[in-house]
C-alpha atoms as a PDB file:
ATOM      1  CA  UNK A   1      60.937  99.366  99.860  1.00  0.00           C
ATOM      2  CA  UNK A   2      63.416 101.873 101.172  1.00  0.00           C
ATOM      3  CA  UNK A   3      62.087 104.718  99.325  1.00  0.00           C
ATOM      4  CA  UNK A   4      58.467 104.014 100.776  1.00  0.00           C
ATOM      5  CA  UNK A   5      60.007 103.798 104.026  1.00  0.00           C
ATOM      6  CA  UNK A   6      61.770 107.163 103.845  1.00  0.00           C
ATOM      7  CA  UNK A   7      58.479 109.002 102.390  1.00  0.00           C
ATOM      8  CA  UNK A   8      56.792 107.385 105.560  1.00  0.00           C
ATOM      9  CA  UNK A   9      59.103 108.839 107.902  1.00  0.00           C
ATOM     10  CA  UNK A  10      58.756 112.261 106.221  1.00  0.00           C
ATOM     11  CA  UNK A  11      55.039 112.222 106.697  1.00  0.00           C
ATOM     12  CA  UNK A  12      54.302 112.068 110.310  1.00  0.00           C
ATOM     13  CA  UNK A  13      52.532 114.422 112.813  1.00  0.00           C
ATOM     14  CA  UNK A  14      55.065 117.139 113.075  1.00  0.00           C
ATOM     15  CA  UNK A  15      55.848 117.738 109.306  1.00  0.00           C
ATOM     16  CA  UNK A  16      52.025 117.779 108.714  1.00  0.00           C
ATOM     17  CA  UNK A  17      51.531 120.404 111.328  1.00  0.00           C
ATOM     18  CA  UNK A  18      54.615 122.390 110.173  1.00  0.00           C
ATOM     19  CA  UNK A  19      53.101 122.453 106.558  1.00  0.00           C
ATOM     20  CA  UNK A  20      49.650 123.294 107.939  1.00  0.00           C
ATOM     21  CA  UNK A  21      50.970 126.077 109.805  1.00  0.00           C
ATOM     22  CA  UNK A  22      53.202 127.356 107.018  1.00  0.00           C
ATOM     23  CA  UNK A  23      50.348 127.314 104.765  1.00  0.00           C
ATOM     24  CA  UNK A  24      47.991 129.070 107.335  1.00  0.00           C
ATOM     25  CA  UNK A  25      50.564 131.855 107.553  1.00  0.00           C
ATOM     26  CA  UNK A  26      51.280 132.491 104.151  1.00  0.00           C
ATOM     27  CA  UNK A  27      47.525 132.695 103.554  1.00  0.00           C
ATOM     28  CA  UNK A  28      47.279 135.326 106.379  1.00  0.00           C
ATOM     29  CA  UNK A  29      50.015 137.168 104.672  1.00  0.00           C
ATOM     30  CA  UNK A  30      48.612 137.339 101.362  1.00  0.00           C
ATOM     31  CA  UNK A  31      45.241 138.225 102.731  1.00  0.00           C
ATOM     32  CA  UNK A  32      46.803 141.125 104.702  1.00  0.00           C
ATOM     33  CA  UNK A  33      45.941 139.927 108.145  1.00  0.00           C
ATOM     34  CA  UNK A  34      49.501 139.554 109.637  1.00  0.00           C
ATOM     35  CA  UNK A  35      52.563 141.710 109.411  1.00  0.00           C
ATOM     36  CA  UNK A  36      55.361 140.290 107.072  1.00  0.00           C
ATOM     37  CA  UNK A  37      57.756 140.493 109.749  1.00  0.00           C
ATOM     38  CA  UNK A  38      55.607 138.419 112.424  1.00  0.00           C
ATOM     39  CA  UNK A  39      55.103 135.706 109.649  1.00  0.00           C
ATOM     40  CA  UNK A  40      58.837 135.599 109.061  1.00  0.00           C
ATOM     41  CA  UNK A  41      59.576 135.333 112.684  1.00  0.00           C
ATOM     42  CA  UNK A  42      56.715 132.542 113.352  1.00  0.00           C
ATOM     43  CA  UNK A  43      58.074 130.548 110.350  1.00  0.00           C
ATOM     44  CA  UNK A  44      61.952 130.891 111.102  1.00  0.00           C
ATOM     45  CA  UNK A  45      61.007 129.548 114.855  1.00  0.00           C
ATOM     46  CA  UNK A  46      58.928 126.629 113.565  1.00  0.00           C
ATOM     47  CA  UNK A  47      61.435 125.403 111.006  1.00  0.00           C
ATOM     48  CA  UNK A  48      64.241 125.946 113.483  1.00  0.00           C
ATOM     49  CA  UNK A  49      62.646 123.933 116.097  1.00  0.00           C
ATOM     50  CA  UNK A  50      61.770 121.318 113.190  1.00  0.00           C
ATOM     51  CA  UNK A  51      64.997 120.837 111.890  1.00  0.00           C
ATOM     52  CA  UNK A  52      67.114 121.307 115.094  1.00  0.00           C
ATOM     53  CA  UNK A  53      65.259 118.862 117.263  1.00  0.00           C
ATOM     54  CA  UNK A  54      67.212 115.832 117.671  1.00  0.00           C
ATOM     55  CA  UNK A  55      65.311 112.479 117.424  1.00  0.00           C
ATOM     56  CA  UNK A  56      66.034 110.616 120.831  1.00  0.00           C
ATOM     57  CA  UNK A  57      63.487 107.900 120.273  1.00  0.00           C
ATOM     58  CA  UNK A  58      66.360 105.449 118.410  1.00  0.00           C
ATOM     59  CA  UNK A  59      68.398 105.318 121.734  1.00  0.00           C
ATOM     60  CA  UNK A  60      71.579 106.877 121.253  1.00  0.00           C
ATOM     61  CA  UNK A  61      73.374 104.949 124.030  1.00  0.00           C
END
């Protein structure tokens, strides 16, 4: 049961949005629609925000 709960926590809205955005940017890069430097900048910003954001919904009091 703990494994299922951990997987459920990983699959939330922000992780889905991050994966979709990354997929779209990689597709655009491979289709030569974007400059590689721009894609890397956007991906780094998204992943930095995603992994650096502190979850405050648990009540750290």
